[in-house]
Amino acid sequence: MNRRRVLLVPALDPAQRLIWLSILFVAMAIALMSTTASAQRRERTGKGVVDATCASCHASGANGAPKIGDAKAWQARASQGLAALTDHALKGIRNMPAHGGNPGITDIEIERAITQMVNLSGGHWVEPLGGATPAVVRTGEQIVKMQCSKCHQDGLNGAPKIGDRAAWTPRLRNGLDALVKSAVHGHGGMPARGGIADLTDLEIQGAVVYMFNYGIPEPPPAKATPAADPYHKVIEGTEVYLGIVRAEAAPAGQTKGGAPSGKGYYYLSVSLFDAKNKAAIGDATVNLTVADALSAESKTLEAAEANNATSYGGYFRMVSPNPYMITAQIRRPGVAGVTEAKFEYKVW
């Protein structure tokens, strides 16, 4: 027997029903925003990431890293934009391994760290919003319990009571935005913004939604799903990061033979970390195969030290417009078998 989930709508006339459904939709949107804000609070600030990780090279300019405070060095990089600099940091570039050698740093944290270093070097970027940025949006329930209930709990001075939809419906006849605007500027016995100057329009909206919907079960909040990093795999307890840069962008002497001459060459690097303790793995043997529909090239990557971590790299020629399948075969001392990680990459 097929079962379908249904939404139980209170017995209302058509006009009240339309208002109720509109309010419910707004409530779901606010719940999603609150869930996202809660998840983001766990993220670190740009300063925190710079102090903990980036400063090990960027504070002194070690390994060719642009020194924090060097306006000229950072100006050239800042001109590429945040998206490009973040892409370099995620994949690894020159002497810096993927994710700065720390797989625990998230994409948004890398963006903030870059912004922090740019601003310390003469830039004026705005740090991206996210987890570590304090969530300033209070929930409708918090606002109501803190302030609105003083009048709306018992209907003081003619205020519509919390949960009395018959009293709230006429006030919503011109829409939720109009009622929020009325609350912002003050109406009747209610002062502007309910008597709290720092209440935002969104918080007032959330409070109205909460008072209208009080007593009706709320839908479960949607879960925010972070985007997957296509160049990060966790295989059999090993975290594998793939980095790809053009050969001319790789530092001289990155491998024993140096960068090859000719067009279409890229420097591919693999960084390895233990999935449990996040420790860098520096004693592995990594064989990399780069193949398209017509050809394949395989070689054992050379170990390289950067930012107190080991990565494994080598030069490969990729000129086909078709996607490449990149396969890393990893052997670790004391670990039986071969760990294999596959990535797809298209040369643009």
C-alpha atoms as a PDB file:
ATOM      1  CA  MET A   1       0.000   0.000   0.000  1.00  0.00           C
ATOM      2  CA  ASN A   2       1.410   3.366  -1.005  1.00  0.00           C
ATOM      3  CA  ARG A   3       1.557   5.948   1.763  1.00  0.00           C
ATOM      4  CA  ARG A   4       1.803   9.670   1.213  1.00  0.00           C
ATOM      5  CA  ARG A   5       2.759  12.323   3.719  1.00  0.00           C
ATOM      6  CA  VAL A   6       0.226  15.120   3.974  1.00  0.00           C
ATOM      7  CA  LEU A   7       0.410  18.553   5.592  1.00  0.00           C
ATOM      8  CA  LEU A   8      -2.446  19.086   8.047  1.00  0.00           C
ATOM      9  CA  VAL A   9      -3.786  22.603   7.494  1.00  0.00           C
ATOM     10  CA  PRO A  10      -6.026  24.117  10.198  1.00  0.00           C
ATOM     11  CA  ALA A  11      -9.679  24.640   9.311  1.00  0.00           C
ATOM     12  CA  LEU A  12      -9.635  28.168   7.894  1.00  0.00           C
ATOM     13  CA  ASP A  13     -11.574  30.077   5.278  1.00  0.00           C
ATOM     14  CA  PRO A  14      -9.832  30.537   1.868  1.00  0.00           C
ATOM     15  CA  ALA A  15      -8.311  33.916   2.771  1.00  0.00           C
ATOM     16  CA  GLN A  16      -6.989  32.685   6.117  1.00  0.00           C
ATOM     17  CA  ARG A  17      -5.722  29.489   4.487  1.00  0.00           C
ATOM     18  CA  LEU A  18      -3.684  31.461   1.915  1.00  0.00           C
ATOM     19  CA  ILE A  19      -2.143  33.610   4.658  1.00  0.00           C
ATOM     20  CA  TRP A  20      -1.362  30.517   6.766  1.00  0.00           C
ATOM     21  CA  LEU A  21       0.431  28.805   3.883  1.00  0.00           C
ATOM     22  CA  SER A  22       2.423  31.985   3.130  1.00  0.00           C
ATOM     23  CA  ILE A  23       3.488  32.282   6.761  1.00  0.00           C
ATOM     24  CA  LEU A  24       4.453  28.583   6.865  1.00  0.00           C
ATOM     25  CA  PHE A  25       6.673  29.041   3.803  1.00  0.00           C
ATOM     26  CA  VAL A  26       8.467  31.981   5.460  1.00  0.00           C
ATOM     27  CA  ALA A  27       8.867  29.935   8.659  1.00  0.00           C
ATOM     28  CA  MET A  28      10.550  27.136   6.707  1.00  0.00           C
ATOM     29  CA  ALA A  29      12.925  29.654   5.095  1.00  0.00           C
ATOM     30  CA  ILE A  30      13.839  31.150   8.484  1.00  0.00           C
ATOM     31  CA  ALA A  31      14.407  27.653   9.919  1.00  0.00           C
ATOM     32  CA  LEU A  32      16.810  26.905   7.060  1.00  0.00           C
ATOM     33  CA  MET A  33      18.697  30.160   7.675  1.00  0.00           C
ATOM     34  CA  SER A  34      18.964  29.380  11.387  1.00  0.00           C
ATOM     35  CA  THR A  35      20.280  25.875  10.649  1.00  0.00           C
ATOM     36  CA  THR A  36      22.868  27.260   8.264  1.00  0.00           C
ATOM     37  CA  ALA A  37      23.966  29.927  10.762  1.00  0.00           C
ATOM     38  CA  SER A  38      24.352  27.311  13.507  1.00  0.00           C
ATOM     39  CA  ALA A  39      26.481  25.112  11.278  1.00  0.00           C
ATOM     40  CA  GLN A  40      28.639  28.049  10.220  1.00  0.00           C
ATOM     41  CA  ARG A  41      29.472  29.126  13.786  1.00  0.00           C
ATOM     42  CA  ARG A  42      31.953  26.274  14.036  1.00  0.00           C
ATOM     43  CA  GLU A  43      34.194  27.754  11.367  1.00  0.00           C
ATOM     44  CA  ARG A  44      37.332  29.720  12.279  1.00  0.00           C
ATOM     45  CA  THR A  45      38.129  33.320  11.437  1.00  0.00           C
ATOM     46  CA  GLY A  46      40.760  34.283   8.896  1.00  0.00           C
ATOM     47  CA  LYS A  47      43.075  35.488  11.665  1.00  0.00           C
ATOM     48  CA  GLY A  48      42.737  32.179  13.487  1.00  0.00           C
ATOM     49  CA  VAL A  49      43.702  30.176  10.396  1.00  0.00           C
ATOM     50  CA  VAL A  50      46.588  32.505   9.532  1.00  0.00           C
ATOM     51  CA  ASP A  51      48.007  32.352  13.058  1.00  0.00           C
ATOM     52  CA  ALA A  52      47.657  28.563  13.278  1.00  0.00           C
ATOM     53  CA  THR A  53      48.842  27.530   9.808  1.00  0.00           C
ATOM     54  CA  CYS A  54      49.604  30.161   7.181  1.00  0.00           C
ATOM     55  CA  ALA A  55      52.027  32.198   9.311  1.00  0.00           C
ATOM     56  CA  SER A  56      54.526  29.326   9.393  1.00  0.00           C
ATOM     57  CA  CYS A  57      55.599  30.394   5.897  1.00  0.00           C
ATOM     58  CA  HIS A  58      53.871  33.705   5.167  1.00  0.00           C
ATOM     59  CA  ALA A  59      55.086  35.491   8.304  1.00  0.00           C
ATOM     60  CA  SER A  60      58.709  35.252   7.191  1.00  0.00           C
ATOM     61  CA  GLY A  61      58.345  34.564   3.467  1.00  0.00           C
ATOM     62  CA  ALA A  62      59.789  31.043   3.817  1.00  0.00           C
ATOM     63  CA  ASN A  63      59.843  28.780   0.758  1.00  0.00           C
ATOM     64  CA  GLY A  64      59.056  31.718  -1.529  1.00  0.00           C
ATOM     65  CA  ALA A  65      55.683  32.456   0.112  1.00  0.00           C
ATOM     66  CA  PRO A  66      54.550  36.103  -0.182  1.00  0.00           C
ATOM     67  CA  LYS A  67      55.323  37.707   3.171  1.00  0.00           C
ATOM     68  CA  ILE A  68      52.440  39.144   5.156  1.00  0.00           C
ATOM     69  CA  GLY A  69      52.765  42.929   4.983  1.00  0.00           C
ATOM     70  CA  ASP A  70      54.571  42.940   1.632  1.00  0.00           C
ATOM     71  CA  ALA A  71      52.106  45.084  -0.310  1.00  0.00           C
ATOM     72  CA  LYS A  72      53.898  44.651  -3.640  1.00  0.00           C
ATOM     73  CA  ALA A  73      53.981  40.852  -3.419  1.00  0.00           C
ATOM     74  CA  TRP A  74      50.324  40.618  -2.434  1.00  0.00           C
ATOM     75  CA  GLN A  75      49.084  43.248  -4.882  1.00  0.00           C
ATOM     76  CA  ALA A  76      49.989  41.032  -7.832  1.00  0.00           C
ATOM     77  CA  ARG A  77      48.210  38.092  -6.263  1.00  0.00           C
ATOM     78  CA  ALA A  78      45.192  40.091  -5.138  1.00  0.00           C
ATOM     79  CA  SER A  79      44.680  41.234  -8.721  1.00  0.00           C
ATOM     80  CA  GLN A  80      43.799  37.623  -9.583  1.00  0.00           C
ATOM     81  CA  GLY A  81      40.766  37.741  -7.280  1.00  0.00           C
ATOM     82  CA  LEU A  82      39.705  35.651  -4.303  1.00  0.00           C
ATOM     83  CA  ALA A  83      38.301  32.793  -6.397  1.00  0.00           C
ATOM     84  CA  ALA A  84      41.613  32.210  -8.194  1.00  0.00           C
ATOM     85  CA  LEU A  85      43.717  32.472  -5.029  1.00  0.00           C
ATOM     86  CA  THR A  86      41.405  30.058  -3.212  1.00  0.00           C
ATOM     87  CA  ASP A  87      41.650  27.594  -6.092  1.00  0.00           C
ATOM     88  CA  HIS A  88      45.461  27.734  -5.876  1.00  0.00           C
ATOM     89  CA  ALA A  89      45.398  27.147  -2.126  1.00  0.00           C
ATOM     90  CA  LEU A  90      42.959  24.241  -2.364  1.00  0.00           C
ATOM     91  CA  LYS A  91      44.942  22.431  -5.056  1.00  0.00           C
ATOM     92  CA  GLY A  92      48.418  23.481  -3.950  1.00  0.00           C
ATOM     93  CA  ILE A  93      50.818  25.753  -5.804  1.00  0.00           C
ATOM     94  CA  ARG A  94      54.589  26.037  -5.955  1.00  0.00           C
ATOM     95  CA  ASN A  95      55.980  25.000  -2.565  1.00  0.00           C
ATOM     96  CA  MET A  96      52.581  25.043  -0.835  1.00  0.00           C
ATOM     97  CA  PRO A  97      50.748  21.685  -0.678  1.00  0.00           C
ATOM     98  CA  ALA A  98      46.985  21.366  -1.047  1.00  0.00           C
ATOM     99  CA  HIS A  99      44.999  23.074   1.742  1.00  0.00           C
ATOM    100  CA  GLY A 100      48.244  24.589   3.013  1.00  0.00           C
ATOM    101  CA  GLY A 101      49.282  21.175   4.289  1.00  0.00           C
ATOM    102  CA  ASN A 102      46.351  21.048   6.728  1.00  0.00           C
ATOM    103  CA  PRO A 103      43.369  18.992   5.501  1.00  0.00           C
ATOM    104  CA  GLY A 104      41.275  20.251   8.410  1.00  0.00           C
ATOM    105  CA  ILE A 105      41.013  23.755   6.921  1.00  0.00           C
ATOM    106  CA  THR A 106      37.710  24.219   5.105  1.00  0.00           C
ATOM    107  CA  ASP A 107      37.191  26.141   1.865  1.00  0.00           C
ATOM    108  CA  ILE A 108      35.553  29.105   3.630  1.00  0.00           C
ATOM    109  CA  GLU A 109      38.377  29.207   6.179  1.00  0.00           C
ATOM    110  CA  ILE A 110      40.918  29.343   3.360  1.00  0.00           C
ATOM    111  CA  GLU A 111      38.997  32.227   1.785  1.00  0.00           C
ATOM    112  CA  ARG A 112      39.054  34.083   5.088  1.00  0.00           C
ATOM    113  CA  ALA A 113      42.746  33.422   5.649  1.00  0.00           C
ATOM    114  CA  ILE A 114      43.577  34.761   2.185  1.00  0.00           C
ATOM    115  CA  THR A 115      41.438  37.838   2.847  1.00  0.00           C
ATOM    116  CA  GLN A 116      43.196  38.385   6.174  1.00  0.00           C
ATOM    117  CA  MET A 117      46.662  38.255   4.581  1.00  0.00           C
ATOM    118  CA  VAL A 118      45.619  40.504   1.687  1.00  0.00           C
ATOM    119  CA  ASN A 119      44.237  43.087   4.124  1.00  0.00           C
ATOM    120  CA  LEU A 120      47.364  42.941   6.298  1.00  0.00           C
ATOM    121  CA  SER A 121      49.289  43.712   3.130  1.00  0.00           C
ATOM    122  CA  GLY A 122      47.440  46.844   2.029  1.00  0.00           C
ATOM    123  CA  GLY A 123      44.197  45.319   0.740  1.00  0.00           C
ATOM    124  CA  HIS A 124      40.645  46.259   1.636  1.00  0.00           C
ATOM    125  CA  TRP A 125      38.722  43.045   1.074  1.00  0.00           C
ATOM    126  CA  VAL A 126      35.629  42.035   3.033  1.00  0.00           C
ATOM    127  CA  GLU A 127      36.051  38.725   4.860  1.00  0.00           C
ATOM    128  CA  PRO A 128      33.531  36.130   3.553  1.00  0.00           C
ATOM    129  CA  LEU A 129      30.629  35.381   5.861  1.00  0.00           C
ATOM    130  CA  GLY A 130      30.354  31.929   7.374  1.00  0.00           C
ATOM    131  CA  GLY A 131      30.809  29.863  10.474  1.00  0.00           C
ATOM    132  CA  ALA A 132      33.173  31.875  12.604  1.00  0.00           C
ATOM    133  CA  THR A 133      31.328  35.084  11.750  1.00  0.00           C
ATOM    134  CA  PRO A 134      28.994  35.533  14.738  1.00  0.00           C
ATOM    135  CA  ALA A 135      25.398  34.761  13.775  1.00  0.00           C
ATOM    136  CA  VAL A 136      23.483  37.975  14.569  1.00  0.00           C
ATOM    137  CA  VAL A 137      20.028  36.732  13.537  1.00  0.00           C
ATOM    138  CA  ARG A 138      18.113  35.707  16.659  1.00  0.00           C
ATOM    139  CA  THR A 139      15.213  33.286  16.283  1.00  0.00           C
ATOM    140  CA  GLY A 140      11.599  34.373  16.369  1.00  0.00           C
ATOM    141  CA  GLU A 141      11.089  32.421  19.586  1.00  0.00           C
ATOM    142  CA  GLN A 142      13.999  34.228  21.255  1.00  0.00           C
ATOM    143  CA  ILE A 143      12.662  37.643  20.262  1.00  0.00           C
ATOM    144  CA  VAL A 144       9.132  36.838  21.405  1.00  0.00           C
ATOM    145  CA  LYS A 145      10.223  35.487  24.787  1.00  0.00           C
ATOM    146  CA  MET A 146      12.632  38.374  25.319  1.00  0.00           C
ATOM    147  CA  GLN A 147      10.334  41.256  24.352  1.00  0.00           C
ATOM    148  CA  CYS A 148       7.121  40.636  22.417  1.00  0.00           C
ATOM    149  CA  SER A 149       5.519  38.440  25.083  1.00  0.00           C
ATOM    150  CA  LYS A 150       5.354  41.438  27.454  1.00  0.00           C
ATOM    151  CA  CYS A 151       2.282  42.602  25.530  1.00  0.00           C
ATOM    152  CA  HIS A 152       1.321  39.767  23.175  1.00  0.00           C
ATOM    153  CA  GLN A 153       1.165  37.050  25.840  1.00  0.00           C
ATOM    154  CA  ASP A 154      -1.970  38.494  27.448  1.00  0.00           C
ATOM    155  CA  GLY A 155      -3.127  40.903  24.710  1.00  0.00           C
ATOM    156  CA  LEU A 156      -2.049  44.019  26.599  1.00  0.00           C
ATOM    157  CA  ASN A 157      -3.091  47.322  24.984  1.00  0.00           C
ATOM    158  CA  GLY A 158      -5.007  45.470  22.272  1.00  0.00           C
ATOM    159  CA  ALA A 159      -1.991  43.464  21.016  1.00  0.00           C
ATOM    160  CA  PRO A 160      -3.006  40.227  19.242  1.00  0.00           C
ATOM    161  CA  LYS A 161      -2.258  37.273  21.494  1.00  0.00           C
ATOM    162  CA  ILE A 162       0.443  34.748  20.609  1.00  0.00           C
ATOM    163  CA  GLY A 163      -1.139  31.911  18.615  1.00  0.00           C
ATOM    164  CA  ASP A 164      -4.490  33.685  18.110  1.00  0.00           C
ATOM    165  CA  ARG A 165      -4.657  33.337  14.335  1.00  0.00           C
ATOM    166  CA  ALA A 166      -8.122  34.860  14.177  1.00  0.00           C
ATOM    167  CA  ALA A 167      -6.646  38.066  15.626  1.00  0.00           C
ATOM    168  CA  TRP A 168      -3.506  37.976  13.473  1.00  0.00           C
ATOM    169  CA  THR A 169      -5.209  37.251  10.143  1.00  0.00           C
ATOM    170  CA  PRO A 170      -6.775  40.730   9.621  1.00  0.00           C
ATOM    171  CA  ARG A 171      -3.424  42.313  10.398  1.00  0.00           C
ATOM    172  CA  LEU A 172      -1.838  40.203   7.657  1.00  0.00           C
ATOM    173  CA  ARG A 173      -4.388  41.071   4.979  1.00  0.00           C
ATOM    174  CA  ASN A 174      -1.841  43.321   3.227  1.00  0.00           C
ATOM    175  CA  GLY A 175       0.924  40.736   3.496  1.00  0.00           C
ATOM    176  CA  LEU A 176       3.750  39.909   5.858  1.00  0.00           C
ATOM    177  CA  ASP A 177       6.056  42.664   4.555  1.00  0.00           C
ATOM    178  CA  ALA A 178       3.478  45.338   5.338  1.00  0.00           C
ATOM    179  CA  LEU A 179       3.026  44.077   8.903  1.00  0.00           C
ATOM    180  CA  VAL A 180       6.794  43.934   9.454  1.00  0.00           C
ATOM    181  CA  LYS A 181       7.107  47.504   8.155  1.00  0.00           C
ATOM    182  CA  SER A 182       4.398  48.573  10.579  1.00  0.00           C
ATOM    183  CA  ALA A 183       6.305  46.977  13.462  1.00  0.00           C
ATOM    184  CA  VAL A 184       9.557  48.607  12.350  1.00  0.00           C
ATOM    185  CA  HIS A 185       8.057  52.092  12.502  1.00  0.00           C
ATOM    186  CA  GLY A 186       5.739  51.460  15.471  1.00  0.00           C
ATOM    187  CA  HIS A 187       1.955  51.144  15.485  1.00  0.00           C
ATOM    188  CA  GLY A 188      -0.718  51.900  18.060  1.00  0.00           C
ATOM    189  CA  GLY A 189       0.637  51.146  21.503  1.00  0.00           C
ATOM    190  CA  MET A 190       3.749  49.414  20.172  1.00  0.00           C
ATOM    191  CA  PRO A 191       6.916  51.527  19.864  1.00  0.00           C
ATOM    192  CA  ALA A 192       9.243  51.306  16.867  1.00  0.00           C
ATOM    193  CA  ARG A 193      10.942  47.903  16.620  1.00  0.00           C
ATOM    194  CA  GLY A 194       9.068  46.725  19.679  1.00  0.00           C
ATOM    195  CA  GLY A 195      11.122  49.029  21.866  1.00  0.00           C
ATOM    196  CA  ILE A 196      14.466  47.333  21.027  1.00  0.00           C
ATOM    197  CA  ALA A 197      16.599  49.441  18.702  1.00  0.00           C
ATOM    198  CA  ASP A 198      18.861  46.596  17.507  1.00  0.00           C
ATOM    199  CA  LEU A 199      16.053  44.323  16.314  1.00  0.00           C
ATOM    200  CA  THR A 200      16.586  43.736  12.598  1.00  0.00           C
ATOM    201  CA  ASP A 201      13.781  43.561  10.048  1.00  0.00           C
ATOM    202  CA  LEU A 202      14.462  39.835   9.624  1.00  0.00           C
ATOM    203  CA  GLU A 203      14.224  39.258  13.383  1.00  0.00           C
ATOM    204  CA  ILE A 204      10.912  41.145  13.544  1.00  0.00           C
ATOM    205  CA  GLN A 205       9.654  39.023  10.657  1.00  0.00           C
ATOM    206  CA  GLY A 206      10.682  35.865  12.503  1.00  0.00           C
ATOM    207  CA  ALA A 207       8.858  37.041  15.638  1.00  0.00           C
ATOM    208  CA  VAL A 208       5.636  37.688  13.697  1.00  0.00           C
ATOM    209  CA  VAL A 209       5.842  34.264  12.058  1.00  0.00           C
ATOM    210  CA  TYR A 210       6.440  32.631  15.433  1.00  0.00           C
ATOM    211  CA  MET A 211       3.424  34.346  17.065  1.00  0.00           C
ATOM    212  CA  PHE A 212       1.124  33.507  14.141  1.00  0.00           C
ATOM    213  CA  ASN A 213       2.223  29.855  13.978  1.00  0.00           C
ATOM    214  CA  TYR A 214       2.437  29.258  17.739  1.00  0.00           C
ATOM    215  CA  GLY A 215       0.803  25.942  18.579  1.00  0.00           C
ATOM    216  CA  ILE A 216       1.224  24.470  15.079  1.00  0.00           C
ATOM    217  CA  PRO A 217       3.995  21.841  14.756  1.00  0.00           C
ATOM    218  CA  GLU A 218       6.907  23.258  12.765  1.00  0.00           C
ATOM    219  CA  PRO A 219       8.391  21.321   9.834  1.00  0.00           C
ATOM    220  CA  PRO A 220      11.812  19.829  10.525  1.00  0.00           C
ATOM    221  CA  PRO A 221      14.645  22.166   9.459  1.00  0.00           C
ATOM    222  CA  ALA A 222      16.462  21.303   6.259  1.00  0.00           C
ATOM    223  CA  LYS A 223      20.030  20.117   6.602  1.00  0.00           C
ATOM    224  CA  ALA A 224      22.741  22.060   4.810  1.00  0.00           C
ATOM    225  CA  THR A 225      24.961  19.772   2.755  1.00  0.00           C
ATOM    226  CA  PRO A 226      28.501  21.071   2.101  1.00  0.00           C
ATOM    227  CA  ALA A 227      29.786  20.814  -1.447  1.00  0.00           C
ATOM    228  CA  ALA A 228      32.212  17.965  -2.019  1.00  0.00           C
ATOM    229  CA  ASP A 229      35.807  18.755  -2.981  1.00  0.00           C
ATOM    230  CA  PRO A 230      36.460  16.852  -6.245  1.00  0.00           C
ATOM    231  CA  TYR A 231      40.201  16.775  -5.515  1.00  0.00           C
ATOM    232  CA  HIS A 232      39.920  15.292  -2.026  1.00  0.00           C
ATOM    233  CA  LYS A 233      39.300  11.592  -1.378  1.00  0.00           C
ATOM    234  CA  VAL A 234      39.281   9.489   1.769  1.00  0.00           C
ATOM    235  CA  ILE A 235      40.340   5.959   0.840  1.00  0.00           C
ATOM    236  CA  GLU A 236      40.957   3.171   3.379  1.00  0.00           C
ATOM    237  CA  GLY A 237      41.942   5.550   6.183  1.00  0.00           C
ATOM    238  CA  THR A 238      44.081   7.796   3.971  1.00  0.00           C
ATOM    239  CA  GLU A 239      43.117  11.336   2.956  1.00  0.00           C
ATOM    240  CA  VAL A 240      44.338  12.078  -0.563  1.00  0.00           C
ATOM    241  CA  TYR A 241      44.557  15.618  -1.995  1.00  0.00           C
ATOM    242  CA  LEU A 242      45.366  16.243  -5.658  1.00  0.00           C
ATOM    243  CA  GLY A 243      46.968  19.513  -6.757  1.00  0.00           C
ATOM    244  CA  ILE A 244      47.375  20.672 -10.373  1.00  0.00           C
ATOM    245  CA  VAL A 245      49.273  23.748 -11.612  1.00  0.00           C
ATOM    246  CA  ARG A 246      50.797  24.660 -14.948  1.00  0.00           C
ATOM    247  CA  ALA A 247      54.458  23.764 -15.257  1.00  0.00           C
ATOM    248  CA  GLU A 248      55.501  27.403 -15.573  1.00  0.00           C
ATOM    249  CA  ALA A 249      53.806  28.177 -12.239  1.00  0.00           C
ATOM    250  CA  ALA A 250      55.726  25.472 -10.391  1.00  0.00           C
ATOM    251  CA  PRO A 251      58.980  26.553  -8.690  1.00  0.00           C
ATOM    252  CA  ALA A 252      62.268  25.688 -10.349  1.00  0.00           C
ATOM    253  CA  GLY A 253      63.778  22.460  -9.143  1.00  0.00           C
ATOM    254  CA  GLN A 254      60.501  21.036  -7.927  1.00  0.00           C
ATOM    255  CA  THR A 255      61.680  17.646  -9.228  1.00  0.00           C
ATOM    256  CA  LYS A 256      65.189  16.400  -9.893  1.00  0.00           C
ATOM    257  CA  GLY A 257      64.915  16.809 -13.645  1.00  0.00           C
ATOM    258  CA  GLY A 258      63.290  20.227 -13.501  1.00  0.00           C
ATOM    259  CA  ALA A 259      60.314  21.393 -15.510  1.00  0.00           C
ATOM    260  CA  PRO A 260      60.158  19.995 -19.082  1.00  0.00           C
ATOM    261  CA  SER A 261      60.223  22.337 -22.057  1.00  0.00           C
ATOM    262  CA  GLY A 262      57.268  22.656 -24.386  1.00  0.00           C
ATOM    263  CA  LYS A 263      53.607  23.476 -24.042  1.00  0.00           C
ATOM    264  CA  GLY A 264      50.873  21.615 -22.250  1.00  0.00           C
ATOM    265  CA  TYR A 265      52.843  20.455 -19.201  1.00  0.00           C
ATOM    266  CA  TYR A 266      51.388  20.497 -15.697  1.00  0.00           C
ATOM    267  CA  TYR A 267      52.831  19.794 -12.281  1.00  0.00           C
ATOM    268  CA  LEU A 268      50.646  17.315 -10.400  1.00  0.00           C
ATOM    269  CA  SER A 269      51.089  16.844  -6.664  1.00  0.00           C
ATOM    270  CA  VAL A 270      49.554  14.432  -4.172  1.00  0.00           C
ATOM    271  CA  SER A 271      49.371  15.208  -0.437  1.00  0.00           C
ATOM    272  CA  LEU A 272      48.573  12.408   2.012  1.00  0.00           C
ATOM    273  CA  PHE A 273      47.227  12.513   5.566  1.00  0.00           C
ATOM    274  CA  ASP A 274      46.085   9.926   8.070  1.00  0.00           C
ATOM    275  CA  ALA A 275      42.279  10.151   8.210  1.00  0.00           C
ATOM    276  CA  LYS A 276      42.172   9.542  11.971  1.00  0.00           C
ATOM    277  CA  ASN A 277      44.856  11.782  13.436  1.00  0.00           C
ATOM    278  CA  LYS A 278      45.324  14.125  10.409  1.00  0.00           C
ATOM    279  CA  ALA A 279      49.088  13.559  10.512  1.00  0.00           C
ATOM    280  CA  ALA A 280      50.942  14.090   7.233  1.00  0.00           C
ATOM    281  CA  ILE A 281      52.223  10.915   5.580  1.00  0.00           C
ATOM    282  CA  GLY A 282      55.796  11.360   4.377  1.00  0.00           C
ATOM    283  CA  ASP A 283      57.019   7.816   3.828  1.00  0.00           C
ATOM    284  CA  ALA A 284      54.708   6.617   1.059  1.00  0.00           C
ATOM    285  CA  THR A 285      55.412   5.623  -2.536  1.00  0.00           C
ATOM    286  CA  VAL A 286      52.978   7.202  -4.980  1.00  0.00           C
ATOM    287  CA  ASN A 287      52.554   6.127  -8.593  1.00  0.00           C
ATOM    288  CA  LEU A 288      50.397   8.423 -10.728  1.00  0.00           C
ATOM    289  CA  THR A 289      48.745   7.573 -14.043  1.00  0.00           C
ATOM    290  CA  VAL A 290      47.245  10.305 -16.228  1.00  0.00           C
ATOM    291  CA  ALA A 291      45.123   8.937 -19.086  1.00  0.00           C
ATOM    292  CA  ASP A 292      42.647  10.125 -21.678  1.00  0.00           C
ATOM    293  CA  ALA A 293      40.863   8.136 -24.363  1.00  0.00           C
ATOM    294  CA  LEU A 294      43.983   7.883 -26.565  1.00  0.00           C
ATOM    295  CA  SER A 295      47.027   7.822 -24.308  1.00  0.00           C
ATOM    296  CA  ALA A 296      48.291   7.231 -20.777  1.00  0.00           C
ATOM    297  CA  GLU A 297      51.384   8.311 -18.861  1.00  0.00           C
ATOM    298  CA  SER A 298      52.544   6.777 -15.574  1.00  0.00           C
ATOM    299  CA  LYS A 299      55.393   7.630 -13.222  1.00  0.00           C
ATOM    300  CA  THR A 300      56.441   7.397  -9.598  1.00  0.00           C
ATOM    301  CA  LEU A 301      56.160  10.833  -7.977  1.00  0.00           C
ATOM    302  CA  GLU A 302      59.066  12.480  -6.177  1.00  0.00           C
ATOM    303  CA  ALA A 303      58.740  13.606  -2.563  1.00  0.00           C
ATOM    304  CA  ALA A 304      58.966  17.358  -1.868  1.00  0.00           C
ATOM    305  CA  GLU A 305      58.932  19.243   1.454  1.00  0.00           C
ATOM    306  CA  ALA A 306      56.826  22.380   1.941  1.00  0.00           C
ATOM    307  CA  ASN A 307      55.251  24.046   4.978  1.00  0.00           C
ATOM    308  CA  ASN A 308      56.493  21.260   7.258  1.00  0.00           C
ATOM    309  CA  ALA A 309      54.646  18.662   5.204  1.00  0.00           C
ATOM    310  CA  THR A 310      55.551  16.212   2.452  1.00  0.00           C
ATOM    311  CA  SER A 311      53.847  16.103  -0.920  1.00  0.00           C
ATOM    312  CA  TYR A 312      54.595  13.950  -3.950  1.00  0.00           C
ATOM    313  CA  GLY A 313      54.805  15.453  -7.422  1.00  0.00           C
ATOM    314  CA  GLY A 314      55.726  15.129 -11.055  1.00  0.00           C
ATOM    315  CA  TYR A 315      55.251  16.748 -14.474  1.00  0.00           C
ATOM    316  CA  PHE A 316      52.698  15.441 -16.985  1.00  0.00           C
ATOM    317  CA  ARG A 317      51.632  16.635 -20.420  1.00  0.00           C
ATOM    318  CA  MET A 318      47.887  17.191 -20.827  1.00  0.00           C
ATOM    319  CA  VAL A 319      46.688  18.709 -24.106  1.00  0.00           C
ATOM    320  CA  SER A 320      43.530  16.747 -24.898  1.00  0.00           C
ATOM    321  CA  PRO A 321      40.183  18.595 -24.722  1.00  0.00           C
ATOM    322  CA  ASN A 322      38.672  15.415 -23.285  1.00  0.00           C
ATOM    323  CA  PRO A 323      38.589  14.711 -19.535  1.00  0.00           C
ATOM    324  CA  TYR A 324      41.607  12.971 -18.013  1.00  0.00           C
ATOM    325  CA  MET A 325      41.365  10.148 -15.495  1.00  0.00           C
ATOM    326  CA  ILE A 326      44.081  10.586 -12.865  1.00  0.00           C
ATOM    327  CA  THR A 327      44.796   7.503 -10.757  1.00  0.00           C
ATOM    328  CA  ALA A 328      47.044   7.568  -7.692  1.00  0.00           C
ATOM    329  CA  GLN A 329      48.319   4.227  -6.400  1.00  0.00           C
ATOM    330  CA  ILE A 330      49.694   4.622  -2.892  1.00  0.00           C
ATOM    331  CA  ARG A 331      51.872   2.195  -0.978  1.00  0.00           C
ATOM    332  CA  ARG A 332      52.641   2.805   2.681  1.00  0.00           C
ATOM    333  CA  PRO A 333      55.176   0.938   4.821  1.00  0.00           C
ATOM    334  CA  GLY A 334      53.408  -1.438   7.176  1.00  0.00           C
ATOM    335  CA  VAL A 335      50.099  -1.186   5.273  1.00  0.00           C
ATOM    336  CA  ALA A 336      49.118  -4.192   3.195  1.00  0.00           C
ATOM    337  CA  GLY A 337      47.978  -3.715  -0.371  1.00  0.00           C
ATOM    338  CA  VAL A 338      47.685  -0.612  -2.534  1.00  0.00           C
ATOM    339  CA  THR A 339      45.417   2.347  -1.843  1.00  0.00           C
ATOM    340  CA  GLU A 340      43.981   3.689  -5.090  1.00  0.00           C
ATOM    341  CA  ALA A 341      42.336   7.088  -5.562  1.00  0.00           C
ATOM    342  CA  LYS A 342      40.811   8.256  -8.859  1.00  0.00           C
ATOM    343  CA  PHE A 343      40.178  11.840  -9.957  1.00  0.00           C
ATOM    344  CA  GLU A 344      38.763  13.371 -13.121  1.00  0.00           C
ATOM    345  CA  TYR A 345      40.245  16.571 -14.543  1.00  0.00           C
ATOM    346  CA  LYS A 346      39.483  18.572 -17.671  1.00  0.00           C
ATOM    347  CA  VAL A 347      41.982  21.040 -19.115  1.00  0.00           C
ATOM    348  CA  TRP A 348      40.195  24.296 -19.847  1.00  0.00           C
END
